[in-house]
Amino acid sequence: MSYAGYQAINLKQFIPFLSLGKLLTRLSWVKPTEIILFYRNLALLLESGIDIVTSLGLLQGQTSSGTLKKVLSEVISDLRAGNQLSTALGNHPEIFSPIYCRLVGVGEQSGGLETVLRQIADYIEKEIAATKETKNALLYPVITSVVTVVVVMILVTFVLPGFADLYGSLGVDLPLATKVLINVSNYLKDYSLYLFLGLFIVAGSALIYAKTPAGQYQRDKLVLKLPVLGRITHLGELARCCRSMSLLFHAGQPLTEVLALVIQGSGNKVMAKALTDVQKGMVKGEGLSQPMSKNPLFLPMMVQMVSVGEETGSLDTTLLAVARSYETEAEDKTRSLIALIQPAMTLIIGGVIGLIALSLTSAMYSIYGQGF
């Protein structure tokens, strides 16, 4: 294709860093708990014999989310225009995941829509529980780190300069630890503006880079390499992948489409790339377990269970077993991490403040020892 003498060699979608669409999507975010209630209540209403349009109208009147009200209104309009529920929900991928819409379509075809809706609600609940445990594990160290930084900054900015002036006026020979602490305090006081400006630039640059595809990949790769937390994240991603594949495969979807949907729904770029490589191997006729065995991201137990599932024709069952096993292991490691973090952070805070206090008191003893 050419225009005005120029020929297009490569075309890529332009995604701005800040856009009105992204901002509106974040402001109109629907809570996962509301989506869970929607699926459960819809299943209950359909089981009661109420037609789907009336059921959606009732749910629209009950929801407290303005965004969900608007979306359900559009879904009802699509249904009245002759579209299926899965198609109508699929027009709003920011709220209804393509994986769930595909499952809804399977339920419509098989006549088991109510069962599928409950399975989707159960699946989302498990995802929320796993994410919540990980966030709880990170909340305590984040809060304590902020408190530690604030306390240290107060000591360095307001307390230490007073002691430094006192010791300077006395002209005593101070211990090495006190000298270092006072020098650090003076340095931070003199160059605080430049330090904050530098940190702001670094943080802003990191944030902008993290929004790019390469940055997202490197961020997800770094998270997976973190001690303890990386293992928890790894297990959570594998469990989510296995459970999604199990649901879709059990619903009768071919593996190629299953992998495409799982890749599309994955929030981890490293996992998405690994699954894309597996998909390419499947297209070549290598099956599912063989391409997985080439990537260390897929743990040995998962590869073995997938291989057994392929041989016995029970891939959905084996994938579900792997998901439950990894979820249990991730939960255990999360509890252990929470139990370890609290005393560790207490020791760190006490050590930092104790070091400052020790430096100041040792200086006082030094002054007394020199006859002041």
Protein backbone atom coordinates (compact mmCIF):
# COMPACT_ATOMS: atom_id res chain seq x y z
CA MET A 1 0.00 0.00 0.00
CA SER A 2 1.38 3.39 -0.97
CA TYR A 3 0.21 6.97 -0.53
CA ALA A 4 1.75 10.16 -1.96
CA GLY A 5 4.84 8.26 -3.03
CA TYR A 6 5.35 6.57 0.37
CA GLN A 7 5.04 2.83 0.91
CA ALA A 8 3.92 1.32 4.23
CA ILE A 9 6.39 -1.27 5.49
CA ASN A 10 5.02 -1.90 8.96
CA LEU A 11 1.78 -0.87 10.69
CA LYS A 12 1.34 -0.82 14.45
CA GLN A 13 -1.52 0.38 16.58
CA PHE A 14 -0.67 3.62 18.41
CA ILE A 15 -1.52 3.39 22.10
CA PRO A 16 -0.97 6.71 23.90
CA PHE A 17 0.43 6.69 27.44
CA LEU A 18 -2.47 8.83 28.66
CA SER A 19 -5.84 8.74 26.92
CA LEU A 20 -9.36 9.75 27.76
CA GLY A 21 -10.56 6.22 27.06
CA LYS A 22 -8.15 4.70 29.57
CA LEU A 23 -9.05 7.30 32.17
CA LEU A 24 -12.78 6.73 31.77
CA THR A 25 -12.31 2.96 31.94
CA ARG A 26 -10.46 3.24 35.26
CA LEU A 27 -12.98 5.68 36.70
CA SER A 28 -15.89 3.44 35.64
CA TRP A 29 -14.32 0.26 37.02
CA VAL A 30 -16.79 -2.37 38.20
CA LYS A 31 -15.84 -4.30 41.35
CA PRO A 32 -15.26 -8.05 40.88
CA THR A 33 -17.72 -8.74 43.71
CA GLU A 34 -20.45 -7.08 41.66
CA ILE A 35 -19.61 -9.28 38.68
CA ILE A 36 -19.77 -12.36 40.92
CA LEU A 37 -23.19 -11.34 42.22
CA PHE A 38 -24.34 -10.71 38.67
CA TYR A 39 -23.43 -14.22 37.52
CA ARG A 40 -24.86 -15.92 40.63
CA ASN A 41 -28.11 -13.96 40.64
CA LEU A 42 -28.58 -14.45 36.90
CA ALA A 43 -28.20 -18.21 37.36
CA LEU A 44 -30.73 -18.14 40.20
CA LEU A 45 -33.28 -16.14 38.20
CA LEU A 46 -32.93 -18.35 35.14
CA GLU A 47 -33.41 -21.47 37.29
CA SER A 48 -36.60 -19.89 38.66
CA GLY A 49 -38.05 -19.86 35.13
CA ILE A 50 -37.70 -16.12 34.45
CA ASP A 51 -36.68 -15.27 30.89
CA ILE A 52 -33.24 -13.81 30.35
CA VAL A 53 -34.33 -10.28 29.36
CA THR A 54 -36.54 -9.92 32.44
CA SER A 55 -33.76 -11.36 34.62
CA LEU A 56 -31.27 -8.82 33.32
CA GLY A 57 -33.80 -6.04 33.89
CA LEU A 58 -34.20 -7.11 37.52
CA LEU A 59 -30.43 -7.25 38.02
CA GLN A 60 -30.06 -3.83 36.41
CA GLY A 61 -32.45 -2.35 38.95
CA GLN A 62 -30.66 -3.98 41.89
CA THR A 63 -27.05 -3.11 41.09
CA SER A 64 -25.50 -0.06 42.76
CA SER A 65 -22.88 0.46 40.05
CA GLY A 66 -23.82 3.11 37.52
CA THR A 67 -21.41 1.65 34.99
CA LEU A 68 -22.89 -1.84 35.30
CA LYS A 69 -26.41 -0.40 34.97
CA LYS A 70 -25.45 1.23 31.69
CA VAL A 71 -23.74 -1.92 30.40
CA LEU A 72 -26.71 -4.13 31.30
CA SER A 73 -29.00 -1.70 29.52
CA GLU A 74 -26.91 -2.15 26.37
CA VAL A 75 -26.86 -5.92 26.85
CA ILE A 76 -30.67 -5.97 27.09
CA SER A 77 -30.93 -3.91 23.91
CA ASP A 78 -28.61 -6.36 22.10
CA LEU A 79 -30.70 -9.31 23.28
CA ARG A 80 -33.90 -7.69 22.06
CA ALA A 81 -32.17 -7.13 18.72
CA GLY A 82 -31.73 -10.91 18.43
CA ASN A 83 -28.17 -11.39 19.73
CA GLN A 84 -27.17 -14.15 22.12
CA LEU A 85 -26.15 -13.40 25.70
CA SER A 86 -22.53 -14.38 25.06
CA THR A 87 -22.34 -11.98 22.12
CA ALA A 88 -23.99 -9.16 24.06
CA LEU A 89 -21.63 -9.61 27.02
CA GLY A 90 -18.64 -9.92 24.68
CA ASN A 91 -19.26 -6.37 23.46
CA HIS A 92 -17.97 -5.20 26.86
CA PRO A 93 -14.61 -7.00 27.32
CA GLU A 94 -13.48 -4.46 29.93
CA ILE A 95 -16.10 -5.91 32.30
CA PHE A 96 -16.88 -9.41 30.99
CA SER A 97 -13.73 -11.39 30.15
CA PRO A 98 -13.65 -13.11 26.74
CA ILE A 99 -13.02 -16.41 28.53
CA TYR A 100 -16.25 -16.08 30.49
CA CYS A 101 -18.17 -14.98 27.41
CA ARG A 102 -16.97 -18.08 25.56
CA LEU A 103 -18.12 -20.24 28.48
CA VAL A 104 -21.50 -18.50 28.44
CA GLY A 105 -21.75 -19.31 24.73
CA VAL A 106 -21.03 -22.97 25.47
CA GLY A 107 -23.71 -22.95 28.18
CA GLU A 108 -26.22 -21.48 25.74
CA GLN A 109 -25.50 -24.20 23.20
CA SER A 110 -25.55 -27.07 25.70
CA GLY A 111 -28.56 -25.87 27.68
CA GLY A 112 -26.56 -25.70 30.91
CA LEU A 113 -26.26 -21.92 31.16
CA GLU A 114 -27.11 -21.80 34.87
CA THR A 115 -24.35 -24.28 35.72
CA VAL A 116 -21.81 -22.39 33.62
CA LEU A 117 -22.73 -19.07 35.27
CA ARG A 118 -22.11 -20.57 38.72
CA GLN A 119 -18.78 -22.04 37.58
CA ILE A 120 -17.70 -18.62 36.35
CA ALA A 121 -18.67 -17.03 39.70
CA ASP A 122 -16.70 -19.69 41.60
CA TYR A 123 -13.70 -19.14 39.36
CA ILE A 124 -13.70 -15.36 39.87
CA GLU A 125 -14.03 -15.86 43.65
CA LYS A 126 -10.92 -18.04 43.70
CA GLU A 127 -9.00 -15.46 41.68
CA ILE A 128 -10.05 -12.67 44.05
CA ALA A 129 -9.08 -14.73 47.11
CA ALA A 130 -5.63 -15.49 45.72
CA THR A 131 -5.02 -11.85 44.74
CA LYS A 132 -6.25 -10.61 48.11
CA GLU A 133 -3.85 -12.87 50.03
CA THR A 134 -0.91 -11.62 47.99
CA LYS A 135 -1.91 -7.99 48.54
CA ASN A 136 -2.30 -8.61 52.28
CA ALA A 137 1.19 -10.08 52.35
CA LEU A 138 2.57 -6.89 50.77
CA LEU A 139 0.47 -4.40 52.73
CA TYR A 140 2.28 -4.73 56.06
CA PRO A 141 5.86 -4.29 54.73
CA VAL A 142 4.76 -1.36 52.58
CA ILE A 143 3.16 0.44 55.54
CA THR A 144 6.05 -0.27 57.87
CA SER A 145 8.58 0.82 55.23
CA VAL A 146 6.79 4.13 54.77
CA VAL A 147 6.64 4.66 58.55
CA THR A 148 10.35 3.85 58.86
CA VAL A 149 11.31 6.29 56.12
CA VAL A 150 9.17 9.04 57.69
CA VAL A 151 10.66 8.49 61.17
CA VAL A 152 14.22 8.43 59.83
CA MET A 153 13.61 11.58 57.78
CA ILE A 154 12.27 13.39 60.87
CA LEU A 155 15.29 12.35 62.92
CA VAL A 156 17.74 13.28 60.17
CA THR A 157 16.05 16.58 59.32
CA PHE A 158 15.09 17.97 62.75
CA VAL A 159 16.84 16.03 65.53
CA LEU A 160 20.35 15.38 64.24
CA PRO A 161 21.13 18.95 63.09
CA GLY A 162 20.55 20.18 66.67
CA PHE A 163 22.95 17.59 68.05
CA ALA A 164 25.48 18.36 65.31
CA ASP A 165 25.48 22.07 66.23
CA LEU A 166 25.90 21.19 69.90
CA TYR A 167 28.79 18.82 69.28
CA GLY A 168 30.41 21.32 66.88
CA SER A 169 30.31 24.12 69.46
CA LEU A 170 31.96 21.87 72.06
CA GLY A 171 34.73 20.86 69.67
CA VAL A 172 34.94 17.28 70.93
CA ASP A 173 36.27 14.26 69.07
CA LEU A 174 33.14 12.23 68.20
CA PRO A 175 32.92 8.47 67.61
CA LEU A 176 33.08 7.30 63.98
CA ALA A 177 29.40 6.21 63.92
CA THR A 178 28.27 9.65 65.09
CA LYS A 179 30.48 11.41 62.54
CA VAL A 180 29.06 9.31 59.71
CA LEU A 181 25.50 9.91 60.89
CA ILE A 182 26.01 13.69 61.13
CA ASN A 183 27.68 13.80 57.69
CA VAL A 184 24.76 11.90 56.18
CA SER A 185 22.34 14.26 57.89
CA ASN A 186 24.15 17.32 56.53
CA TYR A 187 24.31 15.82 53.06
CA LEU A 188 20.59 15.08 53.03
CA LYS A 189 19.82 18.55 54.36
CA ASP A 190 21.96 20.30 51.72
CA TYR A 191 20.95 18.19 48.74
CA SER A 192 17.43 17.12 49.67
CA LEU A 193 15.84 19.03 46.78
CA TYR A 194 18.15 17.43 44.23
CA LEU A 195 17.61 13.98 45.74
CA PHE A 196 13.84 14.32 45.60
CA LEU A 197 14.03 15.64 42.05
CA GLY A 198 16.25 12.73 41.03
CA LEU A 199 13.94 10.20 42.66
CA PHE A 200 10.95 11.81 40.95
CA ILE A 201 12.64 11.60 37.54
CA VAL A 202 13.70 7.98 38.08
CA ALA A 203 10.25 6.96 39.34
CA GLY A 204 8.52 8.77 36.47
CA SER A 205 10.82 7.22 33.87
CA ALA A 206 10.28 3.77 35.38
CA LEU A 207 6.50 4.28 35.33
CA ILE A 208 6.51 5.38 31.70
CA TYR A 209 8.72 2.44 30.71
CA ALA A 210 6.49 0.02 32.66
CA LYS A 211 3.56 1.12 30.47
CA THR A 212 5.31 -0.02 27.30
CA PRO A 213 5.07 -3.69 26.13
CA ALA A 214 8.79 -4.22 26.78
CA GLY A 215 8.49 -2.60 30.20
CA GLN A 216 5.49 -4.72 31.16
CA TYR A 217 7.39 -7.85 30.16
CA GLN A 218 10.47 -6.87 32.17
CA ARG A 219 8.31 -5.92 35.17
CA ASP A 220 6.49 -9.27 35.14
CA LYS A 221 9.81 -11.08 34.67
CA LEU A 222 11.29 -9.24 37.65
CA VAL A 223 8.28 -10.06 39.85
CA LEU A 224 8.65 -13.77 39.05
CA LYS A 225 12.32 -13.65 40.13
CA LEU A 226 11.65 -12.08 43.54
CA PRO A 227 12.45 -14.32 46.54
CA VAL A 228 9.37 -16.03 48.04
CA LEU A 229 6.94 -13.55 46.48
CA GLY A 230 8.09 -14.57 43.01
CA ARG A 231 7.31 -18.20 43.77
CA ILE A 232 3.85 -17.25 45.04
CA THR A 233 3.18 -15.19 41.90
CA HIS A 234 4.48 -18.02 39.71
CA LEU A 235 2.21 -20.59 41.35
CA GLY A 236 -0.75 -18.22 41.13
CA GLU A 237 -0.23 -17.65 37.41
CA LEU A 238 0.10 -21.38 36.73
CA ALA A 239 -3.00 -22.16 38.82
CA ARG A 240 -5.01 -19.49 36.99
CA CYS A 241 -3.80 -20.82 33.63
CA CYS A 242 -4.63 -24.46 34.49
CA ARG A 243 -8.08 -23.62 35.88
CA SER A 244 -8.98 -21.53 32.83
CA MET A 245 -7.83 -24.25 30.45
CA SER A 246 -9.72 -26.87 32.44
CA LEU A 247 -12.96 -24.90 32.32
CA LEU A 248 -12.74 -24.19 28.61
CA PHE A 249 -11.61 -27.70 27.64
CA HIS A 250 -14.34 -29.27 29.79
CA ALA A 251 -16.83 -27.05 27.96
CA GLY A 252 -15.76 -28.67 24.69
CA GLN A 253 -13.54 -25.98 23.25
CA PRO A 254 -10.58 -27.10 21.07
CA LEU A 255 -7.15 -26.64 22.62
CA THR A 256 -6.03 -24.09 20.04
CA GLU A 257 -8.95 -21.81 20.92
CA VAL A 258 -8.48 -22.56 24.63
CA LEU A 259 -4.88 -21.37 24.53
CA ALA A 260 -5.80 -18.29 22.49
CA LEU A 261 -8.38 -17.26 25.10
CA VAL A 262 -6.04 -17.98 28.03
CA ILE A 263 -3.29 -15.93 26.38
CA GLN A 264 -5.73 -13.08 25.80
CA GLY A 265 -6.90 -13.17 29.42
CA SER A 266 -3.45 -13.45 31.00
CA GLY A 267 -2.29 -10.40 32.91
CA ASN A 268 1.33 -11.58 33.03
CA LYS A 269 3.30 -10.89 29.84
CA VAL A 270 5.90 -13.57 30.60
CA MET A 271 3.20 -16.21 31.00
CA ALA A 272 1.43 -14.98 27.87
CA LYS A 273 4.65 -15.30 25.84
CA ALA A 274 5.29 -18.80 27.21
CA LEU A 275 1.74 -19.87 26.30
CA THR A 276 2.17 -18.35 22.83
CA ASP A 277 5.25 -20.54 22.33
CA VAL A 278 3.21 -23.56 23.47
CA GLN A 279 0.48 -22.62 21.00
CA LYS A 280 3.03 -22.50 18.18
CA GLY A 281 4.25 -25.96 19.18
CA MET A 282 0.69 -27.28 19.13
CA VAL A 283 0.18 -25.95 15.62
CA LYS A 284 3.27 -27.93 14.58
CA GLY A 285 1.67 -31.08 16.00
CA GLU A 286 3.77 -31.39 19.17
CA GLY A 287 0.76 -31.59 21.49
CA LEU A 288 0.52 -29.64 24.74
CA SER A 289 2.95 -31.24 27.20
CA GLN A 290 5.95 -31.38 24.84
CA PRO A 291 6.11 -27.61 24.13
CA MET A 292 5.54 -26.96 27.84
CA SER A 293 8.54 -29.13 28.77
CA LYS A 294 10.82 -26.78 26.79
CA ASN A 295 10.03 -23.81 29.04
CA PRO A 296 11.11 -23.86 32.73
CA LEU A 297 8.18 -21.56 33.53
CA PHE A 298 5.94 -24.65 33.41
CA LEU A 299 6.88 -26.73 36.45
CA PRO A 300 7.59 -30.47 36.11
CA MET A 301 4.43 -31.59 37.91
CA MET A 302 2.28 -29.55 35.54
CA VAL A 303 4.05 -30.97 32.48
CA GLN A 304 3.71 -34.54 33.76
CA MET A 305 0.04 -34.16 34.64
CA VAL A 306 -0.71 -32.58 31.26
CA SER A 307 1.07 -35.49 29.58
CA VAL A 308 -1.01 -37.97 31.58
CA GLY A 309 -4.18 -36.05 30.72
CA GLU A 310 -3.35 -36.14 27.01
CA GLU A 311 -2.74 -39.87 27.10
CA THR A 312 -5.85 -40.75 29.12
CA GLY A 313 -8.19 -38.20 27.54
CA SER A 314 -8.87 -36.53 30.91
CA LEU A 315 -6.98 -33.29 30.36
CA ASP A 316 -9.63 -31.14 32.05
CA THR A 317 -9.49 -33.27 35.20
CA THR A 318 -5.69 -33.29 35.43
CA LEU A 319 -5.47 -29.54 34.80
CA LEU A 320 -8.00 -28.89 37.56
CA ALA A 321 -5.98 -31.10 39.93
CA VAL A 322 -2.82 -29.13 39.10
CA ALA A 323 -4.64 -25.83 39.68
CA ARG A 324 -5.86 -26.95 43.11
CA SER A 325 -2.40 -28.20 44.07
CA TYR A 326 -0.69 -24.94 43.09
CA GLU A 327 -3.40 -22.85 44.76
CA THR A 328 -2.90 -24.76 48.01
CA GLU A 329 0.88 -24.36 47.82
CA ALA A 330 0.54 -20.64 47.05
CA GLU A 331 -1.80 -20.16 50.02
CA ASP A 332 0.63 -21.95 52.37
CA LYS A 333 3.58 -19.89 51.16
CA THR A 334 1.56 -16.68 51.48
CA ARG A 335 0.69 -17.47 55.11
CA SER A 336 4.34 -18.26 55.82
CA LEU A 337 5.42 -15.02 54.16
CA ILE A 338 2.97 -12.97 56.24
CA ALA A 339 4.16 -14.69 59.42
CA LEU A 340 7.80 -13.99 58.48
CA ILE A 341 7.39 -10.39 57.35
CA GLN A 342 5.97 -8.97 60.57
CA PRO A 343 8.87 -9.85 62.92
CA ALA A 344 11.43 -9.12 60.18
CA MET A 345 10.10 -5.61 59.60
CA THR A 346 9.94 -5.01 63.37
CA LEU A 347 13.62 -5.95 63.66
CA ILE A 348 14.56 -3.71 60.73
CA ILE A 349 12.72 -0.69 62.14
CA GLY A 350 14.16 -1.28 65.60
CA GLY A 351 17.64 -1.71 64.14
CA VAL A 352 17.56 1.54 62.17
CA ILE A 353 16.19 3.65 65.01
CA GLY A 354 18.42 1.88 67.52
CA LEU A 355 21.50 2.63 65.41
CA ILE A 356 20.65 6.33 65.38
CA ALA A 357 19.97 6.36 69.12
CA LEU A 358 23.21 4.47 69.84
CA SER A 359 25.24 6.91 67.77
CA LEU A 360 23.83 9.87 69.69
CA THR A 361 24.25 8.32 73.14
CA SER A 362 27.79 7.16 72.38
CA ALA A 363 28.64 10.74 71.46
CA MET A 364 27.32 11.94 74.82
CA TYR A 365 29.46 9.41 76.70
CA SER A 366 32.43 10.55 74.62
CA ILE A 367 31.80 14.15 75.69
CA TYR A 368 31.61 13.13 79.35
CA GLY A 369 34.80 11.12 78.96
CA GLN A 370 36.68 14.15 77.65
CA GLY A 371 35.75 16.23 80.65
CA PHE A 372 32.92 18.40 79.31
